[in-house]
Every structure is written in C-alpha cells, then in structure tokens.
Amino acid sequence: GEPIPAAVQEIWKSGPLDRLRLQPLPLTETTKLLSETLGGHVDLEAAQRLWTLTLGNVLYLTNIVEQETADGRVKEVAGRWRWTGDPVMPPDLVELIESRIGSLPAPVGLVLDVLAVGEPLELTILRQIADPDAVEEAEVRGLIALHATNTGLDVRISHPIYGEVRRRRAPATTLRRLRGLVANELAASDGRD
C-alpha cells in the first residue's frame, strides 16, 4: 500500500468505519467500467492508455475520466469513446498524489524527477545520477520499484501517476536539465560496457 492521507486517518479515528480495500482493476474490468460510466463502447486504445496511466486504480481513473470528459479530450466519435491529447491532472487528484508522496528531502525528490523523465533506468545508472542513499530512501518510502532484468535491476516510479504529477509540477528547464543528465549517463554507461 500507499500512505493514508491525514484527513482520512482522522475520519477513521473519529468513528466506527470499516475499511474497504479496493484492488486495482485489470484492463478488461477497466474497459467495462469505462463503458458503463460513459454509456457506450470505449475505444481499446483509449482504455489501454487510461489503464496504463492509472494501473486500474478506480479513484485515479474516475478523476481523470471526469476531467478529460469535461475538457473534451474524452469524447464520443462515431459511436466509440476516444481519448485524444495528453492528460491533464485534475487539481484534486494532484493534491491527493502529493499527499501520498509526502514531503520529500531534495535528494529523494531528485530520484523521482530523474525517473519521471527517464524511466526505466538501470539501478547502477540511477545511482550515478542521484545519491545512492536517496535512491534507497525512495524505495523504503514505496515511491520507486525495482524489477529484475537479464542484466541487473531496472527502477521505475511505483505508480505512473506519480511520474505524471512530478513532470507537471517541475519547471521545463529542470526537466530539460534532467533529460540531459540521463542522456549523458546512458551514453557514458555505453562507453563503460
């Protein structure tokens, strides 16, 4: 799991509430939910993109679909619901994600931002760009995930929405600088092989 926002913790403490854990929906169930919610057939590419961004998290999915529909990027075309353009993160969802990420020391924030522009990265490459202790702290906080590959360990942000929010919040000059750092380190690692 993800950290529980403080406001939700207070509600639980104040009265007898049962906690219901919703599991992420697989792509097929996400597509069904989208069809039922939108009232028609959903383009498979749109369903795939929404699932890839939300990983089937119903809360994230609902927020994004509501925003994208209101903004006209999710719309019915020739009998199918389609999604065009880049997603815009609803302010309430951004606030929720930022509360889940929490307040980060700058070195841990750098780990997330580097991955937001360059994931997946091999662990050895990430540790060349960012402080290895910060990489470890990001993993302990559940903000990044390591995946075994044939050549070592790849690192990704633990949820695609986290990366989306970090990219949206960072200045363009920062993103450009970080892309340059990633590109330089990838080129240097090719030379070391």
N, C-alpha and C. Protein backbone atom coordinates (compact mmCIF):
# COMPACT_ATOMS: atom_id res chain seq x y z
N GLY A 1 0.54 -1.15 0.00
CA GLY A 1 0.00 0.00 0.00
C GLY A 1 0.63 1.32 0.00
N GLU A 2 -0.27 2.25 -0.25
CA GLU A 2 0.11 3.64 -0.30
C GLU A 2 -0.22 4.29 1.04
N PRO A 3 0.50 5.36 1.43
CA PRO A 3 0.21 6.03 2.69
C PRO A 3 -1.21 6.59 2.69
N ILE A 4 -1.82 6.60 3.87
CA ILE A 4 -3.18 7.11 4.02
C ILE A 4 -3.11 8.60 4.32
N PRO A 5 -3.85 9.44 3.56
CA PRO A 5 -3.86 10.87 3.85
C PRO A 5 -4.34 11.14 5.28
N ALA A 6 -3.79 12.19 5.90
CA ALA A 6 -4.10 12.52 7.29
C ALA A 6 -5.59 12.72 7.52
N ALA A 7 -6.28 13.37 6.58
CA ALA A 7 -7.72 13.62 6.74
C ALA A 7 -8.50 12.32 6.83
N VAL A 8 -8.13 11.34 6.04
CA VAL A 8 -8.81 10.04 6.08
C VAL A 8 -8.51 9.33 7.39
N GLN A 9 -7.27 9.43 7.87
CA GLN A 9 -6.93 8.82 9.15
C GLN A 9 -7.77 9.41 10.28
N GLU A 10 -8.01 10.72 10.25
CA GLU A 10 -8.83 11.37 11.27
C GLU A 10 -10.27 10.86 11.24
N ILE A 11 -10.82 10.66 10.05
CA ILE A 11 -12.19 10.13 9.93
C ILE A 11 -12.27 8.75 10.54
N TRP A 12 -11.27 7.90 10.25
CA TRP A 12 -11.27 6.55 10.81
C TRP A 12 -11.21 6.57 12.32
N LYS A 13 -10.40 7.49 12.86
CA LYS A 13 -10.25 7.57 14.32
C LYS A 13 -11.51 8.06 15.00
N SER A 14 -12.31 8.88 14.31
CA SER A 14 -13.47 9.51 14.93
C SER A 14 -14.70 8.63 15.02
N GLY A 15 -14.74 7.52 14.35
CA GLY A 15 -15.94 6.70 14.41
C GLY A 15 -15.73 5.32 13.88
N PRO A 16 -16.75 4.49 14.06
CA PRO A 16 -16.64 3.09 13.61
C PRO A 16 -16.86 2.98 12.10
N LEU A 17 -15.79 2.96 11.37
CA LEU A 17 -15.87 2.79 9.92
C LEU A 17 -15.10 1.54 9.53
N ASP A 18 -15.67 0.81 8.60
CA ASP A 18 -14.96 -0.33 8.05
C ASP A 18 -14.10 0.14 6.89
N ARG A 19 -12.92 -0.38 6.83
CA ARG A 19 -12.01 -0.04 5.73
C ARG A 19 -12.20 -1.06 4.62
N LEU A 20 -12.46 -0.57 3.44
CA LEU A 20 -12.64 -1.42 2.27
C LEU A 20 -11.46 -1.21 1.35
N ARG A 21 -10.69 -2.26 1.14
CA ARG A 21 -9.54 -2.17 0.24
C ARG A 21 -9.98 -2.56 -1.17
N LEU A 22 -9.89 -1.61 -2.07
CA LEU A 22 -10.21 -1.89 -3.47
C LEU A 22 -8.94 -2.30 -4.20
N GLN A 23 -9.02 -3.40 -4.86
CA GLN A 23 -7.88 -3.86 -5.66
C GLN A 23 -7.92 -3.16 -7.01
N PRO A 24 -6.76 -2.90 -7.59
CA PRO A 24 -6.74 -2.32 -8.94
C PRO A 24 -7.46 -3.24 -9.92
N LEU A 25 -8.13 -2.62 -10.87
CA LEU A 25 -8.85 -3.39 -11.88
C LEU A 25 -7.92 -3.81 -13.00
N PRO A 26 -8.08 -5.04 -13.50
CA PRO A 26 -7.33 -5.41 -14.71
C PRO A 26 -7.89 -4.62 -15.90
N LEU A 27 -7.19 -4.66 -17.00
CA LEU A 27 -7.59 -3.91 -18.19
C LEU A 27 -9.01 -4.23 -18.63
N THR A 28 -9.38 -5.51 -18.62
CA THR A 28 -10.73 -5.88 -19.09
C THR A 28 -11.81 -5.25 -18.21
N GLU A 29 -11.59 -5.26 -16.90
CA GLU A 29 -12.58 -4.67 -15.98
C GLU A 29 -12.57 -3.14 -16.08
N THR A 30 -11.40 -2.57 -16.31
CA THR A 30 -11.31 -1.12 -16.50
C THR A 30 -12.12 -0.72 -17.73
N THR A 31 -11.99 -1.49 -18.80
CA THR A 31 -12.73 -1.21 -20.03
C THR A 31 -14.23 -1.30 -19.79
N LYS A 32 -14.67 -2.33 -19.05
CA LYS A 32 -16.10 -2.47 -18.73
C LYS A 32 -16.59 -1.28 -17.91
N LEU A 33 -15.81 -0.89 -16.90
CA LEU A 33 -16.20 0.25 -16.06
C LEU A 33 -16.30 1.52 -16.90
N LEU A 34 -15.34 1.73 -17.78
CA LEU A 34 -15.39 2.91 -18.65
C LEU A 34 -16.63 2.89 -19.53
N SER A 35 -16.95 1.73 -20.10
CA SER A 35 -18.13 1.62 -20.97
C SER A 35 -19.41 1.92 -20.20
N GLU A 36 -19.50 1.39 -18.98
CA GLU A 36 -20.70 1.63 -18.17
C GLU A 36 -20.78 3.09 -17.74
N THR A 37 -19.65 3.66 -17.35
CA THR A 37 -19.63 5.05 -16.88
C THR A 37 -19.95 6.02 -18.01
N LEU A 38 -19.36 5.79 -19.17
CA LEU A 38 -19.54 6.70 -20.29
C LEU A 38 -20.80 6.41 -21.10
N GLY A 39 -21.38 5.23 -20.90
CA GLY A 39 -22.61 4.89 -21.58
C GLY A 39 -22.43 4.50 -23.03
N GLY A 40 -21.36 3.80 -23.33
CA GLY A 40 -21.15 3.34 -24.70
C GLY A 40 -19.83 2.62 -24.85
N HIS A 41 -19.57 2.19 -26.07
CA HIS A 41 -18.33 1.47 -26.35
C HIS A 41 -17.13 2.40 -26.20
N VAL A 42 -16.05 1.85 -25.65
CA VAL A 42 -14.82 2.62 -25.46
C VAL A 42 -13.76 2.08 -26.41
N ASP A 43 -13.12 2.99 -27.11
CA ASP A 43 -12.02 2.63 -28.00
C ASP A 43 -10.95 1.89 -27.19
N LEU A 44 -10.47 0.77 -27.72
CA LEU A 44 -9.49 -0.04 -26.99
C LEU A 44 -8.20 0.72 -26.70
N GLU A 45 -7.78 1.57 -27.61
CA GLU A 45 -6.57 2.37 -27.37
C GLU A 45 -6.78 3.33 -26.20
N ALA A 46 -7.97 3.94 -26.14
CA ALA A 46 -8.28 4.85 -25.03
C ALA A 46 -8.29 4.09 -23.71
N ALA A 47 -8.92 2.93 -23.69
CA ALA A 47 -8.96 2.11 -22.47
C ALA A 47 -7.55 1.71 -22.04
N GLN A 48 -6.73 1.31 -23.00
CA GLN A 48 -5.35 0.91 -22.69
C GLN A 48 -4.55 2.08 -22.12
N ARG A 49 -4.68 3.25 -22.73
CA ARG A 49 -3.95 4.43 -22.24
C ARG A 49 -4.39 4.79 -20.83
N LEU A 50 -5.70 4.76 -20.58
CA LEU A 50 -6.20 5.09 -19.25
C LEU A 50 -5.74 4.06 -18.23
N TRP A 51 -5.75 2.79 -18.62
CA TRP A 51 -5.30 1.75 -17.69
C TRP A 51 -3.81 1.89 -17.42
N THR A 52 -3.03 2.17 -18.45
CA THR A 52 -1.58 2.31 -18.28
C THR A 52 -1.26 3.46 -17.32
N LEU A 53 -2.01 4.55 -17.42
CA LEU A 53 -1.78 5.70 -16.55
C LEU A 53 -2.24 5.45 -15.12
N THR A 54 -3.37 4.76 -14.95
CA THR A 54 -3.94 4.59 -13.61
C THR A 54 -3.65 3.23 -12.99
N LEU A 55 -3.18 2.28 -13.78
CA LEU A 55 -2.99 0.89 -13.35
C LEU A 55 -4.26 0.32 -12.71
N GLY A 56 -5.40 0.76 -13.21
CA GLY A 56 -6.67 0.22 -12.74
C GLY A 56 -7.14 0.77 -11.41
N ASN A 57 -6.49 1.80 -10.89
CA ASN A 57 -6.92 2.41 -9.64
C ASN A 57 -8.20 3.19 -9.93
N VAL A 58 -9.30 2.77 -9.31
CA VAL A 58 -10.62 3.34 -9.63
C VAL A 58 -10.69 4.82 -9.27
N LEU A 59 -10.10 5.21 -8.16
CA LEU A 59 -10.11 6.62 -7.77
C LEU A 59 -9.39 7.48 -8.81
N TYR A 60 -8.21 7.06 -9.22
CA TYR A 60 -7.45 7.81 -10.21
C TYR A 60 -8.19 7.83 -11.55
N LEU A 61 -8.71 6.68 -11.94
CA LEU A 61 -9.43 6.55 -13.20
C LEU A 61 -10.63 7.49 -13.25
N THR A 62 -11.42 7.48 -12.19
CA THR A 62 -12.61 8.32 -12.12
C THR A 62 -12.26 9.79 -12.24
N ASN A 63 -11.27 10.22 -11.48
CA ASN A 63 -10.86 11.63 -11.52
C ASN A 63 -10.39 12.04 -12.91
N ILE A 64 -9.59 11.22 -13.53
CA ILE A 64 -9.04 11.57 -14.84
C ILE A 64 -10.13 11.56 -15.91
N VAL A 65 -10.99 10.55 -15.90
CA VAL A 65 -12.05 10.49 -16.91
C VAL A 65 -13.01 11.67 -16.76
N GLU A 66 -13.35 12.03 -15.53
CA GLU A 66 -14.23 13.19 -15.33
C GLU A 66 -13.59 14.46 -15.90
N GLN A 67 -12.31 14.67 -15.60
CA GLN A 67 -11.60 15.86 -16.08
C GLN A 67 -11.48 15.84 -17.61
N GLU A 68 -11.07 14.71 -18.15
CA GLU A 68 -10.85 14.62 -19.59
C GLU A 68 -12.16 14.73 -20.37
N THR A 69 -13.25 14.23 -19.81
CA THR A 69 -14.56 14.36 -20.46
C THR A 69 -15.00 15.82 -20.43
N ALA A 70 -14.86 16.46 -19.27
CA ALA A 70 -15.24 17.87 -19.14
C ALA A 70 -14.44 18.76 -20.08
N ASP A 71 -13.18 18.41 -20.30
CA ASP A 71 -12.31 19.21 -21.18
C ASP A 71 -12.42 18.81 -22.65
N GLY A 72 -13.22 17.78 -22.95
CA GLY A 72 -13.45 17.39 -24.34
C GLY A 72 -12.37 16.51 -24.96
N ARG A 73 -11.48 15.97 -24.14
CA ARG A 73 -10.46 15.07 -24.68
C ARG A 73 -10.94 13.62 -24.68
N VAL A 74 -11.87 13.29 -23.79
CA VAL A 74 -12.57 12.01 -23.88
C VAL A 74 -13.94 12.35 -24.45
N LYS A 75 -14.19 11.86 -25.66
CA LYS A 75 -15.46 12.20 -26.32
C LYS A 75 -15.88 11.07 -27.24
N GLU A 76 -17.16 11.04 -27.52
CA GLU A 76 -17.71 10.01 -28.39
C GLU A 76 -17.55 10.44 -29.85
N VAL A 77 -16.91 9.56 -30.62
CA VAL A 77 -16.70 9.81 -32.04
C VAL A 77 -17.12 8.54 -32.79
N ALA A 78 -18.09 8.68 -33.68
CA ALA A 78 -18.56 7.55 -34.50
C ALA A 78 -18.93 6.34 -33.64
N GLY A 79 -19.63 6.60 -32.53
CA GLY A 79 -20.14 5.51 -31.70
C GLY A 79 -19.14 4.91 -30.72
N ARG A 80 -17.95 5.47 -30.62
CA ARG A 80 -16.94 4.97 -29.67
C ARG A 80 -16.35 6.14 -28.89
N TRP A 81 -16.12 5.89 -27.60
CA TRP A 81 -15.46 6.89 -26.77
C TRP A 81 -13.96 6.83 -27.02
N ARG A 82 -13.39 7.98 -27.36
CA ARG A 82 -11.97 8.06 -27.66
C ARG A 82 -11.31 9.08 -26.73
N TRP A 83 -10.00 8.91 -26.56
CA TRP A 83 -9.23 9.84 -25.73
C TRP A 83 -8.11 10.40 -26.57
N THR A 84 -8.11 11.71 -26.75
CA THR A 84 -7.09 12.37 -27.56
C THR A 84 -6.30 13.34 -26.68
N GLY A 85 -5.08 13.58 -27.07
CA GLY A 85 -4.26 14.55 -26.36
C GLY A 85 -3.60 13.96 -25.13
N ASP A 86 -2.87 14.81 -24.44
CA ASP A 86 -2.19 14.43 -23.21
C ASP A 86 -3.12 14.66 -22.03
N PRO A 87 -3.01 13.83 -21.00
CA PRO A 87 -3.89 14.01 -19.85
C PRO A 87 -3.56 15.28 -19.08
N VAL A 88 -4.60 15.87 -18.52
CA VAL A 88 -4.45 16.98 -17.59
C VAL A 88 -4.85 16.44 -16.23
N MET A 89 -3.97 16.57 -15.28
CA MET A 89 -4.25 16.04 -13.95
C MET A 89 -5.21 16.98 -13.22
N PRO A 90 -6.36 16.47 -12.78
CA PRO A 90 -7.29 17.30 -12.02
C PRO A 90 -6.61 17.79 -10.73
N PRO A 91 -6.85 19.04 -10.34
CA PRO A 91 -6.21 19.58 -9.14
C PRO A 91 -6.42 18.72 -7.89
N ASP A 92 -7.63 18.18 -7.70
CA ASP A 92 -7.88 17.34 -6.52
C ASP A 92 -7.03 16.08 -6.55
N LEU A 93 -6.84 15.51 -7.73
CA LEU A 93 -6.02 14.31 -7.85
C LEU A 93 -4.54 14.64 -7.61
N VAL A 94 -4.09 15.78 -8.13
CA VAL A 94 -2.71 16.21 -7.89
C VAL A 94 -2.48 16.37 -6.39
N GLU A 95 -3.43 17.00 -5.71
CA GLU A 95 -3.31 17.20 -4.26
C GLU A 95 -3.25 15.85 -3.54
N LEU A 96 -4.09 14.91 -3.94
CA LEU A 96 -4.09 13.58 -3.33
C LEU A 96 -2.75 12.89 -3.55
N ILE A 97 -2.24 12.94 -4.77
CA ILE A 97 -0.97 12.28 -5.08
C ILE A 97 0.16 12.93 -4.30
N GLU A 98 0.16 14.25 -4.25
CA GLU A 98 1.21 14.93 -3.49
C GLU A 98 1.15 14.58 -2.01
N SER A 99 -0.06 14.38 -1.47
CA SER A 99 -0.16 13.98 -0.06
C SER A 99 0.35 12.55 0.12
N ARG A 100 0.12 11.70 -0.86
CA ARG A 100 0.63 10.32 -0.77
C ARG A 100 2.14 10.27 -0.91
N ILE A 101 2.68 11.09 -1.79
CA ILE A 101 4.14 11.15 -1.94
C ILE A 101 4.75 11.74 -0.67
N GLY A 102 4.10 12.74 -0.11
CA GLY A 102 4.59 13.37 1.11
C GLY A 102 5.68 14.39 0.85
N SER A 103 6.12 15.00 1.92
CA SER A 103 7.20 15.97 1.86
C SER A 103 8.51 15.21 1.68
N LEU A 104 9.26 15.58 0.67
CA LEU A 104 10.48 14.83 0.35
C LEU A 104 11.72 15.69 0.53
N PRO A 105 12.78 15.10 1.08
CA PRO A 105 14.06 15.78 1.02
C PRO A 105 14.45 15.96 -0.46
N ALA A 106 15.16 17.03 -0.76
CA ALA A 106 15.52 17.33 -2.15
C ALA A 106 16.19 16.15 -2.86
N PRO A 107 17.11 15.41 -2.23
CA PRO A 107 17.73 14.29 -2.95
C PRO A 107 16.74 13.19 -3.34
N VAL A 108 15.72 12.95 -2.52
CA VAL A 108 14.71 11.94 -2.84
C VAL A 108 13.81 12.46 -3.96
N GLY A 109 13.48 13.75 -3.91
CA GLY A 109 12.72 14.36 -5.00
C GLY A 109 13.45 14.25 -6.32
N LEU A 110 14.78 14.41 -6.27
CA LEU A 110 15.59 14.27 -7.48
C LEU A 110 15.48 12.86 -8.06
N VAL A 111 15.48 11.85 -7.20
CA VAL A 111 15.32 10.47 -7.67
C VAL A 111 14.02 10.34 -8.46
N LEU A 112 12.92 10.84 -7.89
CA LEU A 112 11.63 10.76 -8.58
C LEU A 112 11.65 11.53 -9.89
N ASP A 113 12.23 12.72 -9.86
CA ASP A 113 12.23 13.55 -11.07
C ASP A 113 13.09 12.94 -12.18
N VAL A 114 14.21 12.36 -11.82
CA VAL A 114 15.06 11.69 -12.82
C VAL A 114 14.29 10.54 -13.45
N LEU A 115 13.61 9.75 -12.62
CA LEU A 115 12.83 8.64 -13.16
C LEU A 115 11.64 9.14 -13.96
N ALA A 116 11.06 10.26 -13.56
CA ALA A 116 9.91 10.81 -14.28
C ALA A 116 10.26 11.16 -15.72
N VAL A 117 11.52 11.51 -15.96
CA VAL A 117 11.92 11.85 -17.34
C VAL A 117 12.65 10.72 -18.04
N GLY A 118 13.09 9.68 -17.29
CA GLY A 118 13.92 8.68 -17.95
C GLY A 118 13.66 7.23 -17.62
N GLU A 119 12.55 6.95 -16.93
CA GLU A 119 12.32 5.55 -16.54
C GLU A 119 11.98 4.67 -17.72
N PRO A 120 12.29 3.39 -17.62
CA PRO A 120 13.05 2.74 -16.55
C PRO A 120 14.54 3.03 -16.71
N LEU A 121 15.22 3.06 -15.59
CA LEU A 121 16.68 3.20 -15.59
C LEU A 121 17.29 2.04 -14.82
N GLU A 122 18.44 1.60 -15.28
CA GLU A 122 19.16 0.58 -14.52
C GLU A 122 19.56 1.20 -13.18
N LEU A 123 19.50 0.40 -12.13
CA LEU A 123 19.84 0.89 -10.80
C LEU A 123 21.23 1.51 -10.77
N THR A 124 22.19 0.89 -11.44
CA THR A 124 23.56 1.43 -11.43
C THR A 124 23.62 2.81 -12.07
N ILE A 125 22.83 3.03 -13.10
CA ILE A 125 22.80 4.34 -13.76
C ILE A 125 22.13 5.37 -12.86
N LEU A 126 21.00 5.00 -12.26
CA LEU A 126 20.31 5.92 -11.36
C LEU A 126 21.22 6.34 -10.21
N ARG A 127 21.98 5.38 -9.68
CA ARG A 127 22.88 5.68 -8.56
C ARG A 127 24.06 6.56 -8.98
N GLN A 128 24.35 6.64 -10.27
CA GLN A 128 25.37 7.56 -10.77
C GLN A 128 24.82 8.99 -10.84
N ILE A 129 23.52 9.11 -11.10
CA ILE A 129 22.89 10.42 -11.26
C ILE A 129 22.45 10.98 -9.91
N ALA A 130 21.85 10.14 -9.09
CA ALA A 130 21.29 10.57 -7.81
C ALA A 130 22.04 9.92 -6.65
N ASP A 131 21.93 10.51 -5.50
CA ASP A 131 22.57 10.00 -4.29
C ASP A 131 22.06 8.59 -3.99
N PRO A 132 22.94 7.60 -3.87
CA PRO A 132 22.51 6.23 -3.58
C PRO A 132 21.65 6.11 -2.31
N ASP A 133 21.95 6.93 -1.29
CA ASP A 133 21.13 6.90 -0.07
C ASP A 133 19.71 7.39 -0.36
N ALA A 134 19.59 8.38 -1.24
CA ALA A 134 18.27 8.89 -1.61
C ALA A 134 17.49 7.86 -2.42
N VAL A 135 18.19 7.10 -3.26
CA VAL A 135 17.54 6.02 -4.01
C VAL A 135 16.98 5.00 -3.03
N GLU A 136 17.78 4.66 -2.04
CA GLU A 136 17.33 3.69 -1.03
C GLU A 136 16.14 4.23 -0.25
N GLU A 137 16.18 5.51 0.13
CA GLU A 137 15.06 6.09 0.87
C GLU A 137 13.79 6.11 0.02
N ALA A 138 13.93 6.42 -1.27
CA ALA A 138 12.76 6.41 -2.16
C ALA A 138 12.15 5.02 -2.23
N GLU A 139 13.00 3.99 -2.22
CA GLU A 139 12.49 2.62 -2.24
C GLU A 139 11.79 2.29 -0.92
N VAL A 140 12.39 2.67 0.19
CA VAL A 140 11.79 2.40 1.51
C VAL A 140 10.44 3.09 1.63
N ARG A 141 10.31 4.28 1.08
CA ARG A 141 9.04 5.03 1.13
C ARG A 141 8.00 4.47 0.16
N GLY A 142 8.39 3.52 -0.67
CA GLY A 142 7.46 2.94 -1.63
C GLY A 142 7.23 3.81 -2.85
N LEU A 143 8.13 4.73 -3.12
CA LEU A 143 7.96 5.64 -4.25
C LEU A 143 8.54 5.10 -5.54
N ILE A 144 9.46 4.15 -5.42
CA ILE A 144 10.06 3.52 -6.59
C ILE A 144 9.98 2.01 -6.44
N ALA A 145 10.08 1.33 -7.55
CA ALA A 145 10.06 -0.14 -7.54
C ALA A 145 11.20 -0.65 -8.40
N LEU A 146 11.85 -1.70 -7.90
CA LEU A 146 12.95 -2.33 -8.62
C LEU A 146 12.44 -3.61 -9.27
N HIS A 147 12.87 -3.84 -10.51
CA HIS A 147 12.45 -5.01 -11.27
C HIS A 147 13.69 -5.70 -11.83
N ALA A 148 13.79 -7.00 -11.58
CA ALA A 148 14.93 -7.77 -12.09
C ALA A 148 14.83 -7.90 -13.60
N THR A 149 15.99 -7.75 -14.26
CA THR A 149 16.08 -7.96 -15.71
C THR A 149 17.21 -8.96 -15.95
N ASN A 150 17.44 -9.29 -17.19
CA ASN A 150 18.54 -10.19 -17.53
C ASN A 150 19.90 -9.59 -17.22
N THR A 151 19.96 -8.26 -17.18
CA THR A 151 21.25 -7.59 -16.99
C THR A 151 21.42 -6.94 -15.63
N GLY A 152 20.41 -6.96 -14.79
CA GLY A 152 20.53 -6.32 -13.48
C GLY A 152 19.17 -5.94 -12.93
N LEU A 153 19.08 -4.71 -12.40
CA LEU A 153 17.83 -4.22 -11.84
C LEU A 153 17.43 -2.92 -12.52
N ASP A 154 16.18 -2.86 -12.98
CA ASP A 154 15.63 -1.63 -13.51
C ASP A 154 14.80 -0.97 -12.42
N VAL A 155 14.74 0.36 -12.45
CA VAL A 155 13.99 1.12 -11.46
C VAL A 155 12.94 1.94 -12.18
N ARG A 156 11.73 1.94 -11.61
CA ARG A 156 10.62 2.76 -12.09
C ARG A 156 9.98 3.46 -10.90
N ILE A 157 9.25 4.52 -11.19
CA ILE A 157 8.41 5.11 -10.16
C ILE A 157 7.30 4.10 -9.87
N SER A 158 6.90 3.99 -8.61
CA SER A 158 5.98 2.92 -8.22
C SER A 158 4.59 3.05 -8.85
N HIS A 159 4.19 4.23 -9.27
CA HIS A 159 2.90 4.39 -9.97
C HIS A 159 3.06 5.45 -11.06
N PRO A 160 2.57 5.19 -12.27
CA PRO A 160 2.72 6.15 -13.37
C PRO A 160 2.17 7.55 -13.05
N ILE A 161 1.11 7.62 -12.26
CA ILE A 161 0.53 8.92 -11.90
C ILE A 161 1.54 9.77 -11.13
N TYR A 162 2.35 9.13 -10.29
CA TYR A 162 3.36 9.88 -9.53
C TYR A 162 4.30 10.60 -10.49
N GLY A 163 4.76 9.89 -11.51
CA GLY A 163 5.64 10.50 -12.50
C GLY A 163 4.96 11.61 -13.27
N GLU A 164 3.70 11.39 -13.61
CA GLU A 164 2.92 12.40 -14.34
C GLU A 164 2.82 13.68 -13.52
N VAL A 165 2.51 13.55 -12.23
CA VAL A 165 2.39 14.71 -11.36
C VAL A 165 3.74 15.41 -11.21
N ARG A 166 4.81 14.65 -11.02
CA ARG A 166 6.13 15.27 -10.88
C ARG A 166 6.52 16.03 -12.15
N ARG A 167 6.25 15.46 -13.32
CA ARG A 167 6.57 16.15 -14.59
C ARG A 167 5.75 17.43 -14.73
N ARG A 168 4.49 17.39 -14.34
CA ARG A 168 3.61 18.56 -14.47
C ARG A 168 4.04 19.69 -13.53
N ARG A 169 4.59 19.33 -12.39
CA ARG A 169 4.97 20.33 -11.39
C ARG A 169 6.36 20.93 -11.61
N ALA A 170 7.22 20.22 -12.31
CA ALA A 170 8.61 20.67 -12.48
C ALA A 170 8.70 21.73 -13.57
N PRO A 171 9.57 22.72 -13.38
CA PRO A 171 9.80 23.70 -14.45
C PRO A 171 10.40 23.02 -15.69
N ALA A 172 10.08 23.55 -16.84
CA ALA A 172 10.57 22.99 -18.11
C ALA A 172 12.09 22.94 -18.14
N THR A 173 12.74 23.96 -17.57
CA THR A 173 14.21 23.97 -17.57
C THR A 173 14.78 22.84 -16.72
N THR A 174 14.11 22.52 -15.63
CA THR A 174 14.55 21.40 -14.78
C THR A 174 14.41 20.09 -15.54
N LEU A 175 13.27 19.90 -16.18
CA LEU A 175 13.05 18.66 -16.94
C LEU A 175 14.09 18.52 -18.05
N ARG A 176 14.39 19.61 -18.70
CA ARG A 176 15.39 19.58 -19.78
C ARG A 176 16.77 19.21 -19.22
N ARG A 177 17.13 19.82 -18.09
CA ARG A 177 18.43 19.52 -17.47
C ARG A 177 18.50 18.05 -17.06
N LEU A 178 17.42 17.53 -16.48
CA LEU A 178 17.41 16.14 -16.03
C LEU A 178 17.48 15.18 -17.22
N ARG A 179 16.78 15.50 -18.30
CA ARG A 179 16.88 14.66 -19.51
C ARG A 179 18.32 14.62 -20.01
N GLY A 180 19.00 15.77 -19.94
CA GLY A 180 20.40 15.82 -20.34
C GLY A 180 21.28 14.96 -19.45
N LEU A 181 21.04 15.01 -18.13
CA LEU A 181 21.81 14.17 -17.20
C LEU A 181 21.61 12.69 -17.51
N VAL A 182 20.35 12.31 -17.75
CA VAL A 182 20.06 10.91 -18.06
C VAL A 182 20.74 10.51 -19.36
N ALA A 183 20.62 11.35 -20.39
CA ALA A 183 21.23 11.03 -21.69
C ALA A 183 22.75 10.91 -21.56
N ASN A 184 23.36 11.82 -20.83
CA ASN A 184 24.82 11.77 -20.65
C ASN A 184 25.24 10.51 -19.90
N GLU A 185 24.51 10.14 -18.87
CA GLU A 185 24.88 8.95 -18.10
C GLU A 185 24.65 7.68 -18.91
N LEU A 186 23.58 7.64 -19.71
CA LEU A 186 23.35 6.48 -20.58
C LEU A 186 24.48 6.35 -21.60
N ALA A 187 24.90 7.48 -22.18
CA ALA A 187 26.00 7.45 -23.15
C ALA A 187 27.30 7.01 -22.48
N ALA A 188 27.55 7.51 -21.28
CA ALA A 188 28.76 7.14 -20.55
C ALA A 188 28.75 5.66 -20.18
N SER A 189 27.57 5.15 -19.82
CA SER A 189 27.49 3.73 -19.44
C SER A 189 27.70 2.83 -20.66
N ASP A 190 27.27 3.29 -21.84
CA ASP A 190 27.54 2.52 -23.06
C ASP A 190 29.04 2.44 -23.31
N GLY A 191 29.74 3.52 -23.00
CA GLY A 191 31.19 3.54 -23.18
C GLY A 191 31.92 2.66 -22.18
N ARG A 192 31.29 2.45 -21.00
CA ARG A 192 31.91 1.61 -19.96
C ARG A 192 31.69 0.13 -20.21
N ASP A 193 30.70 -0.21 -21.03
CA ASP A 193 30.38 -1.64 -21.28
C ASP A 193 31.43 -2.34 -22.08
